[in-house]
Amino acid sequence: MTTSAFAAGAYGAAQSLARPGAPKPAQGMAQGLTAPGGFTGFLQQSLDSVAQSGAQADRAALSAATGKANVVDVVTAVAESETALQTLVAVRDRVISAYEEIMRMPI
């Protein structure tokens, strides 16, 4: 699922909540989190993508060590893997920050 498809799904869910007779927000959120194309699926897909990028960089490095790959390909693969990992860490930091903010809210 692409980010734009995920955003479109979230927008559609928000619209359905605004309609009369729509499920309660907590119920809608729980369904969205556990649905196959929901937030959990999006996170799993993102983690898989980062893992694949790292594996590709490892394969390129091994190929370069045996003399079968171009150094430019290795540098490109490592840079892509590094960028994916940095993005994942930034998202993780934002999620933790949002969680901490929610926990500080008075009830």
Protein backbone atom coordinates (compact mmCIF):
# COMPACT_ATOMS: atom_id res chain seq x y z
CA MET A 1 0.00 0.00 0.00
CA THR A 2 1.45 3.36 -0.97
CA THR A 3 1.45 6.37 1.29
CA SER A 4 -1.12 8.15 -0.90
CA ALA A 5 -3.45 5.13 -0.76
CA PHE A 6 -3.01 5.01 3.01
CA ALA A 7 -3.79 8.74 3.27
CA ALA A 8 -6.86 8.31 1.05
CA GLY A 9 -8.07 5.48 3.28
CA ALA A 10 -7.57 7.62 6.39
CA TYR A 11 -9.46 10.48 4.75
CA GLY A 12 -12.31 8.14 3.84
CA ALA A 13 -12.43 6.84 7.41
CA ALA A 14 -12.58 10.40 8.73
CA GLN A 15 -15.45 11.19 6.37
CA SER A 16 -17.38 8.13 7.48
CA LEU A 17 -17.01 9.21 11.11
CA ALA A 18 -18.58 12.56 10.28
CA ARG A 19 -21.75 10.95 8.89
CA PRO A 20 -24.75 10.29 11.14
CA GLY A 21 -24.91 6.69 12.34
CA ALA A 22 -21.18 6.19 11.87
CA PRO A 23 -19.34 4.01 14.38
CA LYS A 24 -17.86 5.64 17.45
CA PRO A 25 -14.32 6.99 16.91
CA ALA A 26 -12.69 4.43 19.24
CA GLN A 27 -14.44 1.59 17.42
CA GLY A 28 -13.46 2.98 14.02
CA MET A 29 -9.86 3.47 15.14
CA ALA A 30 -9.59 -0.10 16.45
CA GLN A 31 -10.96 -1.47 13.18
CA GLY A 32 -8.54 0.69 11.18
CA LEU A 33 -5.54 -0.47 13.20
CA THR A 34 -6.26 -4.17 12.80
CA ALA A 35 -7.59 -4.18 9.22
CA PRO A 36 -5.27 -5.84 6.68
CA GLY A 37 -4.67 -2.54 4.91
CA GLY A 38 -4.69 -0.53 8.14
CA PHE A 39 -1.98 1.22 10.07
CA THR A 40 -0.43 -2.01 11.33
CA GLY A 41 -0.17 -3.31 7.77
CA PHE A 42 1.38 -0.04 6.66
CA LEU A 43 4.00 -0.25 9.43
CA GLN A 44 4.76 -3.88 8.61
CA GLN A 45 5.20 -3.01 4.95
CA SER A 46 7.55 -0.17 5.87
CA LEU A 47 9.65 -2.42 8.11
CA ASP A 48 9.84 -5.05 5.39
CA SER A 49 10.97 -2.41 2.90
CA VAL A 50 13.79 -1.27 5.20
CA ALA A 51 14.88 -4.88 5.77
CA GLN A 52 14.92 -5.55 2.02
CA SER A 53 16.98 -2.42 1.44
CA GLY A 54 19.53 -3.55 4.01
CA ALA A 55 19.70 -7.03 2.52
CA GLN A 56 20.23 -5.55 -0.94
CA ALA A 57 23.09 -3.40 0.39
CA ASP A 58 24.66 -6.49 1.98
CA ARG A 59 24.43 -8.44 -1.27
CA ALA A 60 25.99 -5.55 -3.19
CA ALA A 61 28.85 -5.28 -0.69
CA LEU A 62 29.54 -9.02 -0.92
CA SER A 63 29.49 -8.84 -4.70
CA ALA A 64 31.96 -5.96 -4.62
CA ALA A 65 34.23 -7.89 -2.26
CA THR A 66 34.37 -10.76 -4.75
CA GLY A 67 34.92 -8.34 -7.67
CA LYS A 68 31.55 -9.01 -9.31
CA ALA A 69 29.91 -5.60 -8.68
CA ASN A 70 30.64 -2.02 -9.54
CA VAL A 71 31.59 0.24 -6.61
CA VAL A 72 29.00 2.80 -7.73
CA ASP A 73 26.25 0.18 -7.33
CA VAL A 74 27.47 -0.65 -3.84
CA VAL A 75 27.58 3.00 -2.77
CA THR A 76 24.08 3.55 -4.18
CA ALA A 77 22.66 0.51 -2.39
CA VAL A 78 24.27 1.49 0.92
CA ALA A 79 23.03 5.08 0.59
CA GLU A 80 19.48 3.87 -0.11
CA SER A 81 19.63 1.55 2.89
CA GLU A 82 20.95 4.35 5.12
CA THR A 83 18.20 6.72 3.98
CA ALA A 84 15.51 4.10 4.63
CA LEU A 85 16.89 3.41 8.10
CA GLN A 86 17.09 7.13 8.95
CA THR A 87 13.49 7.58 7.83
CA LEU A 88 12.39 4.64 9.97
CA VAL A 89 14.18 6.07 13.01
CA ALA A 90 12.61 9.49 12.44
CA VAL A 91 9.13 7.95 12.24
CA ARG A 92 9.81 5.92 15.38
CA ASP A 93 10.90 9.07 17.22
CA ARG A 94 7.72 10.87 16.14
CA VAL A 95 5.52 7.99 17.28
CA ILE A 96 7.23 7.89 20.67
CA SER A 97 6.92 11.65 21.00
CA ALA A 98 3.21 11.50 20.16
CA TYR A 99 2.68 8.68 22.68
CA GLU A 100 4.46 10.64 25.41
CA GLU A 101 2.35 13.70 24.59
CA ILE A 102 -0.84 11.66 24.86
CA MET A 103 0.28 10.19 28.18
CA ARG A 104 0.85 13.72 29.55
CA MET A 105 -2.72 14.78 28.72
CA PRO A 106 -4.98 15.18 31.74
CA ILE A 107 -7.96 12.86 31.88
